[in-house]
Amino acid sequence: MNRDKLFEHWHRQYRRLLKRQQVLLKESRSHGLPEQIHELRVTLRRLRLMVRVSAPLLDRDAAQRYRRWSRRITNASSHLRDFDVTLEWLASQQTDPRFTQTLEHRRWRLWKMARRRFLPPPPEVQSAVRRLETSKRGRQKLSRRYPERFARLHARVITQIPRFFAFNEADRHAFRRTIRLLRYLREFALTGRQREQDPLLEALSRPQAAMGEYQNVLLARQIIDTIESPAPPPALRRALVRSQARWQREIKSSLSDLTRIYRAQIRAGTLRRS
């Protein structure tokens, strides 16, 4: 994708995400349904990345204030999302409703506390982050920063893959965040049709999804362990162990595929090293 096409594609997605953010904030504050909270968090992550990469094209102070505001919303909804993924996993296990009701009550109490913080950024920040520099100079800046950041992050991931299973949980989580950033960056430069056919995007999506599911199982286990009455049935604990092992296997397989595709694209010249 050439410089002008990259910028137009980037700018179009950026504007669309900013509009979607406004809608999701209102929905999350008014209703707080699990899918609304999840989509809000994904939208905010994508926008933080776009603001970071687009920093030279934005007012510096507004960009920093926006990112701080965005992280506050993400932090306010974090524990709420933990309960949502736990309840989603329990639903897949056809658990006794009496057991899930305890968590559902806790979840809605959390939402009532968190919703007070689901407020838009200050008007001057909202206005400033909408204004990307659209000049030739701005397009050149983006066309340089985008591939440089992608190559740097991709090189970091590839060098860390062989050590992934030796990482502690904090390092694994950081690795997953890097994979997620790479996936978002790849998506930003592709049209809808290209996304469906892009082998690298698919190779990035698989480990990100598997690591997310693995993390969700760990969260579910932690939250379920806090419930004393009714006590979690033994079958539920066994199901947690099986799910954890399943997603570990998928992580290993998907990381192997990502390494293979990365090397093939380096040899073909379609992806450059940092």
Protein backbone atom coordinates (compact mmCIF):
# COMPACT_ATOMS: atom_id res chain seq x y z
CA MET A 1 0.00 0.00 0.00
CA ASN A 2 1.52 3.36 -1.06
CA ARG A 3 1.81 6.42 1.17
CA ASP A 4 -1.46 8.11 0.19
CA LYS A 5 -3.54 4.92 0.26
CA LEU A 6 -2.12 4.00 3.66
CA PHE A 7 -3.00 7.42 5.04
CA GLU A 8 -6.54 7.47 3.62
CA HIS A 9 -7.19 3.94 4.87
CA TRP A 10 -5.74 4.78 8.28
CA HIS A 11 -7.66 8.07 8.55
CA ARG A 12 -10.96 6.43 7.57
CA GLN A 13 -10.60 3.74 10.25
CA TYR A 14 -9.49 6.31 12.82
CA ARG A 15 -12.60 8.45 12.30
CA ARG A 16 -14.83 5.37 12.38
CA LEU A 17 -13.34 4.19 15.69
CA LEU A 18 -13.73 7.63 17.28
CA LYS A 19 -17.42 7.65 16.39
CA ARG A 20 -17.87 4.09 17.62
CA GLN A 21 -16.17 4.98 20.90
CA GLN A 22 -18.83 7.61 21.64
CA VAL A 23 -21.66 5.13 21.06
CA LEU A 24 -20.05 2.41 23.16
CA LEU A 25 -19.39 4.76 26.08
CA LYS A 26 -23.08 5.66 26.22
CA GLU A 27 -24.19 2.04 25.89
CA SER A 28 -21.73 0.83 28.52
CA ARG A 29 -22.88 3.48 30.94
CA SER A 30 -26.58 2.94 30.29
CA HIS A 31 -26.73 -0.85 29.97
CA GLY A 32 -23.31 -2.35 30.64
CA LEU A 33 -23.91 -5.57 28.72
CA PRO A 34 -20.88 -7.87 28.41
CA GLU A 35 -20.57 -7.43 24.64
CA GLN A 36 -20.72 -3.62 25.02
CA ILE A 37 -17.98 -3.60 27.65
CA HIS A 38 -15.80 -5.90 25.56
CA GLU A 39 -16.21 -3.88 22.37
CA LEU A 40 -15.52 -0.64 24.25
CA ARG A 41 -12.25 -2.03 25.60
CA VAL A 42 -11.17 -3.29 22.15
CA THR A 43 -12.05 0.05 20.54
CA LEU A 44 -10.08 1.98 23.15
CA ARG A 45 -7.03 -0.27 22.69
CA ARG A 46 -7.12 0.21 18.93
CA LEU A 47 -7.47 3.96 19.27
CA ARG A 48 -4.62 4.22 21.78
CA LEU A 49 -2.38 2.46 19.28
CA MET A 50 -3.50 4.69 16.42
CA VAL A 51 -2.94 7.81 18.52
CA ARG A 52 0.54 6.57 19.48
CA VAL A 53 1.58 5.83 15.89
CA SER A 54 -0.07 9.06 14.66
CA ALA A 55 1.52 11.19 17.42
CA PRO A 56 3.47 13.52 15.06
CA LEU A 57 0.20 14.23 13.22
CA LEU A 58 -1.70 15.26 16.38
CA ASP A 59 -1.52 17.92 19.05
CA ARG A 60 0.97 16.45 21.52
CA ASP A 61 -0.80 17.50 24.72
CA ALA A 62 -4.20 16.32 23.47
CA ALA A 63 -2.78 12.95 22.42
CA GLN A 64 -1.25 12.39 25.87
CA ARG A 65 -4.43 13.46 27.65
CA TYR A 66 -6.51 11.20 25.43
CA ARG A 67 -4.34 8.18 26.17
CA ARG A 68 -4.49 8.83 29.92
CA TRP A 69 -8.28 9.15 29.76
CA SER A 70 -8.54 5.95 27.69
CA ARG A 71 -6.46 3.96 30.17
CA ARG A 72 -8.68 5.14 33.03
CA ILE A 73 -11.74 3.76 31.25
CA THR A 74 -9.93 0.50 30.54
CA ASN A 75 -8.80 0.17 34.15
CA ALA A 76 -12.31 0.93 35.43
CA SER A 77 -13.76 -1.89 33.31
CA SER A 78 -10.98 -4.45 33.84
CA HIS A 79 -12.43 -6.38 36.80
CA LEU A 80 -15.86 -6.21 35.21
CA ARG A 81 -14.51 -7.92 32.10
CA ASP A 82 -12.88 -10.60 34.29
CA PHE A 83 -16.32 -11.53 35.61
CA ASP A 84 -17.81 -11.50 32.10
CA VAL A 85 -15.27 -13.99 30.72
CA THR A 86 -15.74 -16.18 33.80
CA LEU A 87 -19.51 -16.23 33.36
CA GLU A 88 -19.08 -16.93 29.65
CA TRP A 89 -16.84 -19.90 30.42
CA LEU A 90 -19.26 -21.22 33.04
CA ALA A 91 -22.12 -20.98 30.54
CA SER A 92 -20.16 -23.22 28.18
CA GLN A 93 -19.90 -25.82 30.96
CA GLN A 94 -23.67 -25.93 31.66
CA THR A 95 -23.03 -25.15 35.33
CA ASP A 96 -25.70 -25.25 38.03
CA PRO A 97 -27.51 -21.86 37.79
CA ARG A 98 -27.25 -21.39 41.56
CA PHE A 99 -23.49 -21.24 41.20
CA THR A 100 -23.49 -18.66 38.38
CA GLN A 101 -26.10 -16.46 40.11
CA THR A 102 -23.60 -15.60 42.82
CA LEU A 103 -21.16 -14.31 40.23
CA GLU A 104 -23.88 -12.51 38.26
CA HIS A 105 -24.89 -10.52 41.33
CA ARG A 106 -21.26 -9.54 41.94
CA ARG A 107 -20.84 -8.61 38.31
CA TRP A 108 -23.78 -6.19 38.28
CA ARG A 109 -22.60 -4.56 41.50
CA LEU A 110 -19.22 -3.99 39.85
CA TRP A 111 -20.88 -2.44 36.81
CA LYS A 112 -22.86 -0.01 38.96
CA MET A 113 -19.60 1.21 40.49
CA ALA A 114 -17.63 1.27 37.24
CA ARG A 115 -20.28 3.04 35.12
CA ARG A 116 -19.72 6.30 36.98
CA ARG A 117 -16.34 6.54 35.27
CA PHE A 118 -17.62 5.83 31.75
CA LEU A 119 -17.54 9.50 30.80
CA PRO A 120 -16.22 11.05 27.55
CA PRO A 121 -12.90 12.89 27.46
CA PRO A 122 -12.92 16.69 27.86
CA PRO A 123 -14.43 18.45 24.80
CA GLU A 124 -11.14 20.12 23.87
CA VAL A 125 -9.40 16.73 23.84
CA GLN A 126 -12.17 15.14 21.76
CA SER A 127 -11.92 17.97 19.26
CA ALA A 128 -8.11 17.92 19.05
CA VAL A 129 -7.69 14.15 18.54
CA ARG A 130 -10.07 14.28 15.57
CA ARG A 131 -7.69 16.55 13.68
CA LEU A 132 -4.94 14.54 12.01
CA GLU A 133 -2.43 16.47 9.93
CA THR A 134 -3.45 15.63 6.36
CA SER A 135 -0.65 17.42 4.50
CA LYS A 136 1.97 15.69 2.33
CA ARG A 137 4.38 16.02 5.25
CA GLY A 138 1.91 14.30 7.59
CA ARG A 139 1.43 11.44 5.16
CA GLN A 140 5.19 10.98 4.90
CA LYS A 141 5.49 10.81 8.69
CA LEU A 142 2.87 8.08 8.92
CA SER A 143 4.33 6.12 6.01
CA ARG A 144 7.69 6.05 7.87
CA ARG A 145 6.42 5.38 11.39
CA TYR A 146 3.99 2.60 10.53
CA PRO A 147 6.41 0.08 8.93
CA GLU A 148 9.16 0.93 11.41
CA ARG A 149 6.93 0.20 14.40
CA PHE A 150 5.53 -2.97 12.83
CA ALA A 151 8.99 -4.36 12.00
CA ARG A 152 10.33 -3.52 15.47
CA LEU A 153 7.45 -5.24 17.26
CA HIS A 154 7.55 -8.24 14.94
CA ALA A 155 11.28 -8.76 15.51
CA ARG A 156 10.69 -8.64 19.27
CA VAL A 157 7.98 -11.30 19.05
CA ILE A 158 9.99 -13.66 16.88
CA THR A 159 13.02 -13.53 19.19
CA GLN A 160 10.81 -14.20 22.23
CA ILE A 161 8.79 -17.12 20.83
CA PRO A 162 11.36 -19.84 21.75
CA ARG A 163 11.33 -18.62 25.38
CA PHE A 164 7.57 -18.14 25.73
CA PHE A 165 6.85 -21.20 27.89
CA ALA A 166 9.69 -20.26 30.23
CA PHE A 167 8.15 -16.84 30.85
CA ASN A 168 6.33 -16.02 34.07
CA GLU A 169 2.69 -14.94 33.82
CA ALA A 170 3.55 -11.23 33.69
CA ASP A 171 5.96 -11.74 30.79
CA ARG A 172 3.45 -13.94 28.96
CA HIS A 173 0.84 -11.22 29.32
CA ALA A 174 3.27 -8.62 27.94
CA PHE A 175 4.05 -10.94 25.01
CA ARG A 176 0.35 -11.32 24.30
CA ARG A 177 -0.07 -7.53 24.28
CA THR A 178 2.70 -7.24 21.69
CA ILE A 179 1.03 -9.87 19.50
CA ARG A 180 -2.22 -7.96 19.80
CA LEU A 181 -0.58 -4.68 18.78
CA LEU A 182 0.93 -6.38 15.73
CA ARG A 183 -2.45 -7.79 14.74
CA TYR A 184 -4.08 -4.35 15.02
CA LEU A 185 -1.29 -2.70 13.02
CA ARG A 186 -1.61 -5.32 10.30
CA GLU A 187 -5.38 -4.84 10.14
CA PHE A 188 -5.04 -1.06 9.89
CA ALA A 189 -3.11 -1.39 6.61
CA LEU A 190 -5.48 -3.90 4.95
CA THR A 191 -8.90 -3.64 3.33
CA GLY A 192 -11.66 -5.99 4.43
CA ARG A 193 -11.04 -8.36 1.53
CA GLN A 194 -7.29 -8.32 2.10
CA ARG A 195 -7.78 -9.22 5.75
CA GLU A 196 -9.63 -12.38 4.78
CA GLN A 197 -6.74 -13.50 2.55
CA ASP A 198 -3.69 -12.33 4.49
CA PRO A 199 -1.65 -15.27 5.90
CA LEU A 200 0.33 -13.11 8.34
CA LEU A 201 -2.82 -11.61 9.85
CA GLU A 202 -4.25 -15.09 10.35
CA ALA A 203 -0.95 -16.23 11.88
CA LEU A 204 -1.04 -13.31 14.33
CA SER A 205 -4.72 -13.79 15.18
CA ARG A 206 -4.37 -17.44 16.19
CA PRO A 207 -1.87 -17.07 19.05
CA GLN A 208 -3.54 -13.87 20.24
CA ALA A 209 -6.89 -15.66 20.47
CA ALA A 210 -5.36 -18.74 22.13
CA MET A 211 -3.48 -16.65 24.70
CA GLY A 212 -6.64 -14.72 25.41
CA GLU A 213 -8.59 -17.91 26.04
CA TYR A 214 -5.79 -19.26 28.22
CA GLN A 215 -5.79 -16.04 30.26
CA ASN A 216 -9.58 -16.22 30.57
CA VAL A 217 -9.35 -19.72 32.03
CA LEU A 218 -6.82 -18.51 34.60
CA LEU A 219 -9.11 -15.61 35.53
CA ALA A 220 -12.09 -17.93 35.78
CA ARG A 221 -10.16 -20.21 38.09
CA GLN A 222 -9.18 -17.31 40.37
CA ILE A 223 -12.73 -15.97 40.59
CA ILE A 224 -14.33 -19.38 41.05
CA ASP A 225 -11.94 -20.07 43.93
CA THR A 226 -13.42 -17.09 45.80
CA ILE A 227 -16.88 -18.70 45.96
CA GLU A 228 -17.54 -20.63 49.16
CA SER A 229 -21.29 -21.23 48.89
CA PRO A 230 -22.29 -23.11 46.88
CA ALA A 231 -18.85 -24.73 46.59
CA PRO A 232 -17.52 -25.32 43.05
CA PRO A 233 -18.16 -28.94 42.04
CA PRO A 234 -15.07 -31.13 41.41
CA ALA A 235 -16.11 -31.60 37.77
CA LEU A 236 -15.80 -27.85 37.26
CA ARG A 237 -12.22 -27.82 38.50
CA ARG A 238 -11.35 -30.73 36.21
CA ALA A 239 -12.87 -28.83 33.28
CA LEU A 240 -10.68 -25.83 34.11
CA VAL A 241 -7.56 -28.01 34.02
CA ARG A 242 -8.58 -29.51 30.66
CA SER A 243 -9.29 -26.07 29.18
CA GLN A 244 -5.93 -24.76 30.35
CA ALA A 245 -4.10 -27.69 28.74
CA ARG A 246 -6.07 -27.33 25.52
CA TRP A 247 -5.17 -23.67 25.08
CA GLN A 248 -1.52 -24.31 25.93
CA ARG A 249 -1.38 -26.79 23.04
CA GLU A 250 -3.02 -24.27 20.71
CA ILE A 251 -0.55 -21.56 21.75
CA LYS A 252 2.40 -23.83 20.98
CA SER A 253 1.00 -24.81 17.58
CA SER A 254 0.06 -21.26 16.57
CA LEU A 255 3.43 -19.80 17.58
CA SER A 256 5.16 -22.44 15.47
CA ASP A 257 3.01 -21.44 12.47
CA LEU A 258 3.70 -17.73 13.07
CA THR A 259 7.47 -18.36 13.02
CA ARG A 260 7.17 -20.34 9.80
CA ILE A 261 5.11 -17.67 8.02
CA TYR A 262 7.35 -14.87 9.27
CA ARG A 263 10.44 -16.60 7.86
CA ALA A 264 8.70 -17.32 4.56
CA GLN A 265 7.70 -13.67 4.15
CA ILE A 266 11.23 -12.49 5.01
CA ARG A 267 12.62 -14.78 2.30
CA ALA A 268 9.97 -13.58 -0.19
CA GLY A 269 10.76 -9.94 0.60
CA THR A 270 7.16 -9.12 1.62
CA LEU A 271 8.21 -8.38 5.22
CA ARG A 272 11.40 -6.66 6.30
CA ARG A 273 13.48 -7.11 9.44
CA SER A 274 13.76 -4.19 11.87
